[in-house]
Protein backbone atom coordinates (compact mmCIF):
# COMPACT_ATOMS: atom_id res chain seq x y z
CA MET A 1 -70.99 43.15 35.93
CA LEU A 2 -71.84 41.02 32.90
CA LYS A 3 -69.75 43.23 30.66
CA ALA A 4 -66.80 42.92 33.06
CA SER A 5 -67.14 39.13 33.07
CA LYS A 6 -67.25 39.05 29.25
CA LEU A 7 -64.20 41.31 29.06
CA PHE A 8 -62.34 39.04 31.46
CA ARG A 9 -63.11 36.00 29.26
CA ILE A 10 -61.83 37.84 26.14
CA VAL A 11 -58.60 38.83 27.91
CA LEU A 12 -58.17 35.28 29.20
CA LEU A 13 -58.70 33.85 25.70
CA LYS A 14 -56.11 36.22 24.18
CA PHE A 15 -53.68 35.28 26.95
CA CYS A 16 -54.16 31.58 26.19
CA ILE A 17 -53.59 32.17 22.45
CA ILE A 18 -50.42 34.15 23.10
CA HIS A 19 -49.14 31.56 25.59
CA SER A 20 -49.85 28.80 23.10
CA ARG A 21 -47.90 30.60 20.36
CA ILE A 22 -44.94 31.14 22.72
CA SER A 23 -44.96 27.45 23.63
CA LEU A 24 -44.99 26.47 19.95
CA LEU A 25 -42.05 28.79 19.22
CA ARG A 26 -40.07 27.38 22.13
CA SER A 27 -40.86 23.89 20.97
CA ALA A 28 -39.72 24.71 17.44
CA LYS A 29 -36.47 26.24 18.71
CA PHE A 30 -35.85 23.20 20.90
CA SER A 31 -36.48 20.85 17.98
CA THR A 32 -34.11 22.84 15.78
CA LYS A 33 -31.45 22.74 18.48
CA VAL A 34 -31.88 18.99 18.93
CA GLU A 35 -31.63 18.45 15.17
CA ALA A 36 -28.52 20.63 14.99
CA ASN A 37 -26.90 18.73 17.85
CA PHE A 38 -27.83 15.43 16.20
CA SER A 39 -26.32 16.59 12.89
CA LYS A 40 -23.16 17.75 14.66
CA SER A 41 -22.91 14.46 16.51
CA ARG A 42 -23.42 12.57 13.25
CA SER A 43 -20.65 14.65 11.60
CA ASN A 44 -18.30 14.00 14.51
CA ARG A 45 -19.01 10.27 14.28
CA ALA A 46 -18.27 10.41 10.56
CA LEU A 47 -14.95 12.10 11.22
CA LYS A 48 -14.01 9.57 13.89
CA THR A 49 -14.83 6.66 11.61
CA GLY A 50 -13.01 8.06 8.59
CA GLY A 51 -15.53 10.32 6.89
CA SER A 52 -18.68 9.87 4.85
CA GLY A 53 -20.26 6.64 3.71
CA SER A 54 -18.85 7.16 0.21
CA GLU A 55 -15.31 7.49 1.61
CA ILE A 56 -15.76 4.32 3.64
CA LYS A 57 -16.97 2.51 0.51
CA ARG A 58 -13.95 3.72 -1.48
CA PHE A 59 -11.64 2.55 1.28
CA ASN A 60 -13.26 -0.89 1.37
CA ASP A 61 -13.06 -1.16 -2.43
CA GLN A 62 -9.36 -0.28 -2.41
CA LEU A 63 -8.73 -2.63 0.51
CA ALA A 64 -10.29 -5.54 -1.39
CA LYS A 65 -8.03 -4.83 -4.38
CA ALA A 66 -4.97 -4.46 -2.15
CA GLU A 67 -5.67 -7.77 -0.44
CA ALA A 68 -5.91 -9.31 -3.91
CA GLY A 69 -2.35 -8.14 -4.63
CA HIS A 70 -2.94 -4.90 -6.58
CA VAL A 71 0.16 -2.80 -5.79
CA GLU A 72 -1.32 0.62 -6.61
CA SER A 73 -4.26 -0.13 -4.30
CA MET A 74 -1.82 -1.09 -1.52
CA VAL A 75 -0.31 2.38 -1.80
CA LYS A 76 -3.77 4.00 -1.75
CA VAL A 77 -4.84 1.97 1.29
CA ALA A 78 -1.63 2.97 3.08
CA ALA A 79 -2.32 6.64 2.31
CA ARG A 80 -5.90 6.33 3.56
CA PHE A 81 -4.74 4.80 6.86
CA HIS A 82 -2.26 7.67 7.19
CA GLN A 83 -4.86 10.37 6.41
CA GLY A 84 -7.89 8.73 8.05
CA ARG A 85 -9.96 8.72 4.85
CA GLY A 86 -12.66 6.04 4.94
CA THR A 87 -11.11 4.53 8.04
CA LEU A 88 -9.53 5.52 11.34
CA VAL A 89 -6.00 6.93 11.30
CA ASP A 90 -3.62 4.03 11.92
CA GLU A 91 0.07 4.72 11.28
CA ARG A 92 1.03 1.10 11.98
CA MET A 93 -1.36 -0.21 9.33
CA SER A 94 -0.25 2.55 6.96
CA PHE A 95 3.35 1.43 7.35
CA GLN A 96 2.45 -2.25 6.83
CA TRP A 97 0.66 -1.53 3.55
CA TYR A 98 3.45 0.72 2.31
CA LEU A 99 5.89 -2.06 3.18
CA LYS A 100 3.86 -4.61 1.20
CA ALA A 101 3.82 -2.28 -1.81
CA ALA A 102 7.53 -1.53 -1.39
CA GLU A 103 8.36 -5.23 -1.34
CA ALA A 104 6.27 -5.58 -4.52
CA GLY A 105 8.51 -3.01 -6.22
CA SER A 106 6.72 0.36 -5.89
CA SER A 107 9.42 3.07 -5.76
CA PHE A 108 6.90 5.50 -4.25
CA ALA A 109 6.17 3.03 -1.43
CA GLN A 110 9.88 2.33 -0.97
CA ASN A 111 10.42 6.04 -0.45
CA ALA A 112 7.54 6.13 2.06
CA VAL A 113 8.96 3.13 3.95
CA ASP A 114 12.42 4.66 4.24
CA HIS A 115 10.91 7.84 5.70
CA SER A 116 8.92 5.70 8.17
CA TYR A 117 12.09 3.96 9.35
CA LYS A 118 13.88 7.31 9.49
CA LEU A 119 11.17 9.02 11.58
CA GLY A 120 9.78 6.02 13.47
CA GLN A 121 6.33 6.54 11.95
CA GLY A 122 4.26 3.37 12.32
CA THR A 123 7.42 1.44 13.20
CA THR A 124 10.61 1.82 15.24
CA VAL A 125 13.46 4.03 14.07
CA ASP A 126 15.98 1.98 12.09
CA LEU A 127 18.50 4.03 10.10
CA SER A 128 20.07 1.00 8.44
CA LYS A 129 16.67 -0.06 7.05
CA SER A 130 15.93 3.54 6.10
CA LEU A 131 19.17 3.59 4.10
CA GLU A 132 18.28 0.23 2.50
CA TRP A 133 14.88 1.42 1.27
CA PHE A 134 16.18 4.83 0.15
CA SER A 135 18.73 2.92 -1.93
CA LYS A 136 16.05 0.69 -3.49
CA SER A 137 13.91 3.71 -4.34
CA ALA A 138 16.92 5.56 -5.77
CA GLU A 139 17.88 2.52 -7.88
CA GLN A 140 14.55 2.98 -9.67
CA ASP A 141 15.43 6.65 -10.27
CA ASN A 142 12.74 7.88 -7.91
CA THR A 143 13.78 11.52 -7.49
CA ASP A 144 12.58 11.74 -3.88
CA GLY A 145 14.42 8.49 -3.15
CA LEU A 146 17.59 10.01 -4.61
CA LEU A 147 17.20 13.04 -2.33
CA GLY A 148 16.53 10.82 0.67
CA LEU A 149 19.65 8.76 -0.01
CA SER A 150 21.55 12.01 -0.50
CA SER A 151 20.52 13.16 3.00
CA CYS A 152 21.79 9.85 4.45
CA TYR A 153 25.26 10.55 2.98
CA ALA A 154 25.11 14.24 3.95
CA PHE A 155 24.31 13.62 7.63
CA GLY A 156 25.72 10.15 8.18
CA LEU A 157 22.37 8.43 8.66
CA GLY A 158 23.15 4.71 8.68
CA ILE A 159 26.32 5.29 6.65
CA ASP A 160 29.55 7.36 6.76
CA ILE A 161 29.28 10.98 5.67
CA ASP A 162 30.30 11.53 2.04
CA LEU A 163 29.40 14.99 0.76
CA LYS A 164 30.55 14.29 -2.78
CA VAL A 165 28.24 11.25 -3.11
CA SER A 166 25.47 13.30 -1.52
CA PHE A 167 26.02 16.06 -4.11
CA ASN A 168 25.96 13.64 -7.05
CA LEU A 169 22.70 12.07 -5.86
CA LYS A 170 21.10 15.51 -5.54
CA LEU A 171 22.40 16.45 -8.98
CA GLN A 172 20.83 13.31 -10.44
CA SER A 173 17.50 14.23 -8.83
CA ALA A 174 17.79 17.85 -10.02
CA LYS A 175 18.53 16.83 -13.62
CA ALA A 176 15.45 14.58 -13.53
CA GLY A 177 13.35 17.67 -12.77
CA ASN A 178 12.87 17.53 -8.99
CA SER A 179 12.48 21.17 -7.89
CA THR A 180 13.63 20.42 -4.33
CA GLY A 181 16.73 18.74 -5.74
CA GLN A 182 17.37 21.73 -7.99
CA ASN A 183 17.16 24.08 -5.01
CA ALA A 184 19.48 21.82 -2.97
CA ILE A 185 22.05 21.72 -5.80
CA ALA A 186 21.93 25.52 -6.03
CA TYR A 187 22.85 25.76 -2.34
CA ASP A 188 25.65 23.20 -2.78
CA TYR A 189 27.14 25.29 -5.60
CA LYS A 190 26.66 28.39 -3.48
CA THR A 191 28.37 26.97 -0.35
CA GLY A 192 30.78 24.51 -1.96
CA GLN A 193 29.31 21.47 -0.23
CA GLY A 194 30.47 18.37 -2.08
CA THR A 195 31.57 20.47 -5.06
CA ASP A 196 33.34 23.73 -5.95
CA VAL A 197 31.64 27.08 -5.42
CA ASN A 198 30.11 28.20 -8.70
CA PRO A 199 27.94 31.37 -8.72
CA THR A 200 26.85 30.83 -12.33
CA LYS A 201 25.55 27.33 -11.67
CA THR A 202 24.03 28.50 -8.39
CA PHE A 203 21.94 31.04 -10.30
CA GLU A 204 21.09 28.50 -13.01
CA TRP A 205 19.70 25.92 -10.55
CA PHE A 206 17.85 28.51 -8.42
CA LEU A 207 16.21 29.68 -11.64
CA LYS A 208 15.15 26.15 -12.62
CA SER A 209 13.75 25.50 -9.16
CA ALA A 210 11.93 28.86 -9.08
CA ASN A 211 10.42 28.25 -12.52
CA GLN A 212 8.68 25.21 -11.04
CA GLY A 213 7.21 27.31 -8.24
CA HIS A 214 9.56 26.10 -5.50
CA THR A 215 9.39 28.74 -2.73
CA GLU A 216 12.99 28.45 -1.53
CA GLY A 217 14.17 28.45 -5.13
CA MET A 218 12.32 31.74 -5.63
CA LEU A 219 13.93 33.20 -2.49
CA GLY A 220 17.35 32.06 -3.64
CA LEU A 221 16.78 33.63 -7.03
CA ALA A 222 15.53 36.86 -5.45
CA SER A 223 18.89 37.30 -3.71
CA TYR A 224 20.42 38.00 -7.14
CA TYR A 225 18.21 41.05 -7.79
């Protein structure tokens, strides 16, 4: 009887040890899960507020410079509002900062503003203002501005259609090295839009565009082989 009692106590002790270990394991798993959820929540909060602390600091640094009148910083702040880096995505604020930089003479910002007016991004659609800012960007020989102004003449966006003017603007962009402009000029020579059909020049401009890694330029060039 004594031996049975002693055996019972040994079994009970082993049971308690095993139960304790199971409880500790469950507790550890729970703690790990809680920590993982907390980390995930913290990451989600970071994404909603514009990213990590370092990104927020960079945004605030650029914002201070932009508010002090630094044009390049205005452009960077506008881009950060558009992308949500260091701050929340805010297309309206992005447009306002691009507009400030555009008014200060940045051709890059002028090109961004004309696209905003064209697409209604951060502002209302206004094709006449889009044309105005494309023109200002193009006047500074911004190759994307030249292409944008070209599209206005090609499709009658805020101005009468004039395919010849559209072609000349694209040609100016292409000669300045814009691969998209080079590809567009190749198609104009291929289809005779705004100019005469010219297979030799078509090949020449597809080749230039392809050499810069432009995908459509490569496809256009491939049609010759």
